[in-house]
């Protein structure tokens, strides 16, 4: 994994095949859950049944965030700190603030 490459507009990250497949699998599952909720609304499902499914999607998104954040800290953040890029810590703190809203 070569990590992030900076360009003039944004950063990118090359992920291992295993990490990539895991993240895509999680997102595909979440996408399916969202389609299921949409179908429930279209079929006039009972409110609490829809809310239960929404809670499951929220839990899946939180799980996705935990995995992505852990990978980010283990790779990008660790590398940048070793390279003396202290601004990465500020970026991480800002990201954590957004996640905890």
N, C-alpha and C. Protein backbone atom coordinates (compact mmCIF):
# COMPACT_ATOMS: atom_id res chain seq x y z
N UNK A 1 0.84 -1.17 0.00
CA UNK A 1 0.00 0.00 0.00
C UNK A 1 0.89 1.23 0.00
N UNK A 2 0.74 2.07 -1.01
CA UNK A 2 1.60 3.23 -1.08
C UNK A 2 1.04 4.44 -0.35
N UNK A 3 -0.22 4.36 0.13
CA UNK A 3 -0.77 5.44 0.93
C UNK A 3 -1.38 6.55 0.09
N UNK A 4 -1.42 7.72 0.69
CA UNK A 4 -2.05 8.86 0.04
C UNK A 4 -1.07 9.54 -0.91
N UNK A 5 -1.63 10.08 -1.99
CA UNK A 5 -0.86 10.90 -2.91
C UNK A 5 -1.57 12.24 -2.97
N UNK A 6 -0.81 13.30 -2.77
CA UNK A 6 -1.42 14.62 -2.82
C UNK A 6 -1.43 15.14 -4.24
N UNK A 7 -2.53 15.81 -4.59
CA UNK A 7 -2.60 16.54 -5.84
C UNK A 7 -3.06 17.94 -5.49
N UNK A 8 -3.25 18.75 -6.46
CA UNK A 8 -3.61 20.14 -6.18
C UNK A 8 -5.02 20.27 -5.61
N UNK A 9 -5.88 19.26 -5.79
CA UNK A 9 -7.27 19.43 -5.38
C UNK A 9 -7.67 18.55 -4.20
N UNK A 10 -7.14 17.35 -4.07
CA UNK A 10 -7.57 16.45 -3.00
C UNK A 10 -6.56 15.33 -2.81
N UNK A 11 -6.76 14.57 -1.73
CA UNK A 11 -5.92 13.41 -1.45
C UNK A 11 -6.64 12.16 -1.91
N UNK A 12 -5.86 11.13 -2.22
CA UNK A 12 -6.43 9.83 -2.53
C UNK A 12 -5.70 8.78 -1.70
N UNK A 13 -6.22 7.58 -1.70
CA UNK A 13 -5.59 6.50 -0.95
C UNK A 13 -5.69 5.21 -1.74
N UNK A 14 -4.59 4.55 -1.92
CA UNK A 14 -4.59 3.22 -2.53
C UNK A 14 -4.80 2.21 -1.42
N UNK A 15 -5.80 1.36 -1.59
CA UNK A 15 -6.12 0.36 -0.58
C UNK A 15 -5.70 -1.03 -1.04
N UNK A 16 -5.42 -1.89 -0.06
CA UNK A 16 -5.14 -3.27 -0.41
C UNK A 16 -6.40 -3.89 -0.99
N UNK A 17 -6.23 -4.97 -1.73
CA UNK A 17 -7.39 -5.66 -2.33
C UNK A 17 -8.35 -6.13 -1.24
N UNK A 18 -7.83 -6.63 -0.13
CA UNK A 18 -8.66 -7.11 0.97
C UNK A 18 -9.47 -5.97 1.57
N UNK A 19 -8.83 -4.84 1.85
CA UNK A 19 -9.52 -3.69 2.43
C UNK A 19 -10.59 -3.18 1.46
N UNK A 20 -10.23 -3.07 0.19
CA UNK A 20 -11.16 -2.59 -0.83
C UNK A 20 -12.40 -3.49 -0.89
N UNK A 21 -12.19 -4.80 -0.97
CA UNK A 21 -13.32 -5.73 -1.08
C UNK A 21 -14.21 -5.67 0.15
N UNK A 22 -13.61 -5.56 1.34
CA UNK A 22 -14.39 -5.47 2.57
C UNK A 22 -15.25 -4.21 2.59
N UNK A 23 -14.67 -3.07 2.24
CA UNK A 23 -15.43 -1.82 2.24
C UNK A 23 -16.56 -1.84 1.21
N UNK A 24 -16.27 -2.34 0.02
CA UNK A 24 -17.30 -2.41 -1.03
C UNK A 24 -18.41 -3.36 -0.62
N UNK A 25 -18.05 -4.49 -0.01
CA UNK A 25 -19.05 -5.45 0.45
C UNK A 25 -19.98 -4.79 1.48
N UNK A 26 -19.41 -4.07 2.42
CA UNK A 26 -20.20 -3.39 3.43
C UNK A 26 -21.13 -2.35 2.80
N UNK A 27 -20.60 -1.58 1.84
CA UNK A 27 -21.41 -0.56 1.18
C UNK A 27 -22.52 -1.18 0.35
N UNK A 28 -22.24 -2.29 -0.32
CA UNK A 28 -23.29 -2.97 -1.10
C UNK A 28 -24.42 -3.43 -0.19
N UNK A 29 -24.06 -3.96 0.98
CA UNK A 29 -25.06 -4.40 1.94
C UNK A 29 -25.91 -3.21 2.42
N UNK A 30 -25.25 -2.10 2.72
CA UNK A 30 -25.97 -0.90 3.18
C UNK A 30 -26.88 -0.38 2.07
N UNK A 31 -26.37 -0.38 0.84
CA UNK A 31 -27.18 0.06 -0.30
C UNK A 31 -28.44 -0.80 -0.43
N UNK A 32 -28.29 -2.10 -0.24
CA UNK A 32 -29.43 -3.01 -0.29
C UNK A 32 -30.43 -2.72 0.82
N UNK A 33 -29.91 -2.41 2.01
CA UNK A 33 -30.79 -2.08 3.12
C UNK A 33 -31.58 -0.79 2.82
N UNK A 34 -30.93 0.19 2.23
CA UNK A 34 -31.60 1.45 1.89
C UNK A 34 -32.70 1.20 0.86
N UNK A 35 -32.39 0.38 -0.15
CA UNK A 35 -33.43 0.03 -1.14
C UNK A 35 -34.60 -0.67 -0.47
N UNK A 36 -34.30 -1.53 0.51
CA UNK A 36 -35.35 -2.21 1.25
C UNK A 36 -36.23 -1.24 2.02
N UNK A 37 -35.63 -0.24 2.63
CA UNK A 37 -36.40 0.77 3.36
C UNK A 37 -37.27 1.56 2.39
N UNK A 38 -36.71 1.92 1.25
CA UNK A 38 -37.50 2.64 0.25
C UNK A 38 -38.72 1.81 -0.16
N UNK A 39 -38.50 0.53 -0.37
CA UNK A 39 -39.60 -0.37 -0.73
C UNK A 39 -40.64 -0.44 0.37
N UNK A 40 -40.19 -0.43 1.62
CA UNK A 40 -41.14 -0.45 2.73
C UNK A 40 -42.00 0.80 2.74
N UNK A 41 -41.38 1.95 2.48
CA UNK A 41 -42.15 3.21 2.43
C UNK A 41 -43.14 3.16 1.28
N UNK A 42 -42.68 2.68 0.13
CA UNK A 42 -43.55 2.59 -1.05
C UNK A 42 -44.74 1.66 -0.81
N UNK A 43 -44.54 0.64 0.05
CA UNK A 43 -45.61 -0.32 0.33
C UNK A 43 -46.37 0.02 1.60
N UNK A 44 -46.18 1.25 2.09
CA UNK A 44 -46.88 1.72 3.29
C UNK A 44 -46.66 0.82 4.51
N UNK A 45 -45.43 0.39 4.71
CA UNK A 45 -45.12 -0.45 5.88
C UNK A 45 -45.34 0.34 7.17
N UNK A 46 -45.53 -0.37 8.23
CA UNK A 46 -45.77 0.22 9.54
C UNK A 46 -44.52 0.99 9.99
N UNK A 47 -44.74 2.15 10.59
CA UNK A 47 -43.64 3.07 10.95
C UNK A 47 -42.54 2.40 11.78
N UNK A 48 -42.93 1.65 12.82
CA UNK A 48 -41.90 1.06 13.67
C UNK A 48 -41.06 0.02 12.93
N UNK A 49 -41.66 -0.66 11.96
CA UNK A 49 -40.89 -1.61 11.15
C UNK A 49 -39.83 -0.87 10.32
N UNK A 50 -40.22 0.27 9.77
CA UNK A 50 -39.27 1.08 8.99
C UNK A 50 -38.17 1.62 9.90
N UNK A 51 -38.56 2.13 11.06
CA UNK A 51 -37.59 2.67 12.01
C UNK A 51 -36.58 1.62 12.45
N UNK A 52 -37.04 0.39 12.62
CA UNK A 52 -36.14 -0.71 12.99
C UNK A 52 -35.09 -0.93 11.89
N UNK A 53 -35.54 -0.88 10.64
CA UNK A 53 -34.60 -1.05 9.52
C UNK A 53 -33.65 0.12 9.41
N UNK A 54 -34.13 1.33 9.68
CA UNK A 54 -33.27 2.51 9.66
C UNK A 54 -32.19 2.38 10.74
N UNK A 55 -32.57 1.88 11.91
CA UNK A 55 -31.60 1.68 12.98
C UNK A 55 -30.53 0.67 12.55
N UNK A 56 -30.92 -0.36 11.81
CA UNK A 56 -29.95 -1.34 11.31
C UNK A 56 -28.98 -0.70 10.32
N UNK A 57 -29.50 0.19 9.47
CA UNK A 57 -28.63 0.89 8.52
C UNK A 57 -27.66 1.81 9.26
N UNK A 58 -28.16 2.52 10.27
CA UNK A 58 -27.28 3.38 11.07
C UNK A 58 -26.17 2.57 11.72
N UNK A 59 -26.50 1.40 12.24
CA UNK A 59 -25.49 0.53 12.86
C UNK A 59 -24.47 0.07 11.83
N UNK A 60 -24.94 -0.27 10.62
CA UNK A 60 -24.03 -0.70 9.56
C UNK A 60 -23.11 0.44 9.13
N UNK A 61 -23.65 1.65 9.03
CA UNK A 61 -22.81 2.81 8.68
C UNK A 61 -21.78 3.09 9.77
N UNK A 62 -22.19 2.98 11.03
CA UNK A 62 -21.24 3.17 12.13
C UNK A 62 -20.13 2.14 12.09
N UNK A 63 -20.49 0.91 11.78
CA UNK A 63 -19.49 -0.15 11.66
C UNK A 63 -18.53 0.14 10.51
N UNK A 64 -19.07 0.59 9.39
CA UNK A 64 -18.24 0.98 8.24
C UNK A 64 -17.26 2.08 8.64
N UNK A 65 -17.77 3.10 9.34
CA UNK A 65 -16.91 4.19 9.79
C UNK A 65 -15.79 3.71 10.71
N UNK A 66 -16.11 2.79 11.62
CA UNK A 66 -15.09 2.27 12.55
C UNK A 66 -13.98 1.56 11.80
N UNK A 67 -14.35 0.74 10.82
CA UNK A 67 -13.35 0.01 10.03
C UNK A 67 -12.49 0.98 9.23
N UNK A 68 -13.14 1.93 8.56
CA UNK A 68 -12.42 2.89 7.73
C UNK A 68 -11.51 3.76 8.59
N UNK A 69 -12.00 4.21 9.74
CA UNK A 69 -11.19 5.05 10.63
C UNK A 69 -9.99 4.28 11.17
N UNK A 70 -10.20 3.04 11.57
CA UNK A 70 -9.09 2.22 12.07
C UNK A 70 -8.02 2.05 10.99
N UNK A 71 -8.45 1.75 9.76
CA UNK A 71 -7.49 1.61 8.67
C UNK A 71 -6.75 2.92 8.41
N UNK A 72 -7.47 4.03 8.49
CA UNK A 72 -6.87 5.34 8.26
C UNK A 72 -5.79 5.63 9.30
N UNK A 73 -6.11 5.37 10.56
CA UNK A 73 -5.15 5.63 11.63
C UNK A 73 -3.93 4.72 11.49
N UNK A 74 -4.15 3.44 11.19
CA UNK A 74 -3.05 2.48 11.07
C UNK A 74 -2.14 2.77 9.88
N UNK A 75 -2.65 3.41 8.85
CA UNK A 75 -1.84 3.63 7.65
C UNK A 75 -1.49 5.10 7.49
N UNK A 76 -2.41 5.89 7.02
CA UNK A 76 -2.15 7.29 6.66
C UNK A 76 -1.66 8.13 7.85
N UNK A 77 -2.39 8.07 8.96
CA UNK A 77 -2.04 8.91 10.10
C UNK A 77 -0.67 8.50 10.66
N UNK A 78 -0.48 7.20 10.84
CA UNK A 78 0.80 6.72 11.37
C UNK A 78 1.96 7.14 10.47
N UNK A 79 1.79 6.96 9.18
CA UNK A 79 2.85 7.33 8.22
C UNK A 79 3.14 8.82 8.28
N UNK A 80 2.10 9.63 8.26
CA UNK A 80 2.29 11.08 8.27
C UNK A 80 2.97 11.57 9.54
N UNK A 81 2.61 11.00 10.68
CA UNK A 81 3.25 11.38 11.94
C UNK A 81 4.73 11.03 11.89
N UNK A 82 5.05 9.83 11.39
CA UNK A 82 6.46 9.43 11.26
C UNK A 82 7.22 10.38 10.34
N UNK A 83 6.53 10.93 9.34
CA UNK A 83 7.15 11.86 8.39
C UNK A 83 7.13 13.30 8.90
N UNK A 84 6.61 13.51 10.11
CA UNK A 84 6.59 14.84 10.70
C UNK A 84 5.45 15.73 10.24
N UNK A 85 4.44 15.17 9.63
CA UNK A 85 3.29 15.95 9.15
C UNK A 85 2.26 16.06 10.28
N UNK A 86 2.51 16.98 11.18
CA UNK A 86 1.66 17.15 12.36
C UNK A 86 0.24 17.60 12.01
N UNK A 87 0.06 18.22 10.85
CA UNK A 87 -1.29 18.69 10.46
C UNK A 87 -2.27 17.52 10.30
N UNK A 88 -1.74 16.33 10.11
CA UNK A 88 -2.60 15.15 9.98
C UNK A 88 -3.36 14.90 11.28
N UNK A 89 -2.75 15.18 12.42
CA UNK A 89 -3.43 15.01 13.70
C UNK A 89 -4.61 15.97 13.79
N UNK A 90 -4.41 17.22 13.36
CA UNK A 90 -5.51 18.19 13.36
C UNK A 90 -6.64 17.73 12.43
N UNK A 91 -6.27 17.20 11.28
CA UNK A 91 -7.25 16.68 10.32
C UNK A 91 -8.04 15.53 10.95
N UNK A 92 -7.35 14.63 11.64
CA UNK A 92 -8.01 13.51 12.31
C UNK A 92 -8.96 14.01 13.39
N UNK A 93 -8.53 14.96 14.19
CA UNK A 93 -9.40 15.51 15.24
C UNK A 93 -10.64 16.17 14.64
N UNK A 94 -10.48 16.88 13.55
CA UNK A 94 -11.61 17.50 12.85
C UNK A 94 -12.58 16.43 12.34
N UNK A 95 -12.04 15.37 11.79
CA UNK A 95 -12.86 14.28 11.29
C UNK A 95 -13.63 13.62 12.43
N UNK A 96 -12.96 13.39 13.56
CA UNK A 96 -13.63 12.79 14.71
C UNK A 96 -14.76 13.67 15.23
N UNK A 97 -14.55 15.00 15.22
CA UNK A 97 -15.60 15.92 15.64
C UNK A 97 -16.83 15.76 14.74
N UNK A 98 -16.61 15.63 13.43
CA UNK A 98 -17.73 15.47 12.49
C UNK A 98 -18.44 14.14 12.72
N UNK A 99 -17.69 13.09 13.01
CA UNK A 99 -18.29 11.78 13.23
C UNK A 99 -19.12 11.72 14.52
N UNK A 100 -18.79 12.57 15.48
CA UNK A 100 -19.44 12.51 16.78
C UNK A 100 -20.60 13.49 16.93
N UNK A 101 -21.02 14.08 15.85
CA UNK A 101 -22.16 15.01 15.91
C UNK A 101 -23.44 14.28 16.24
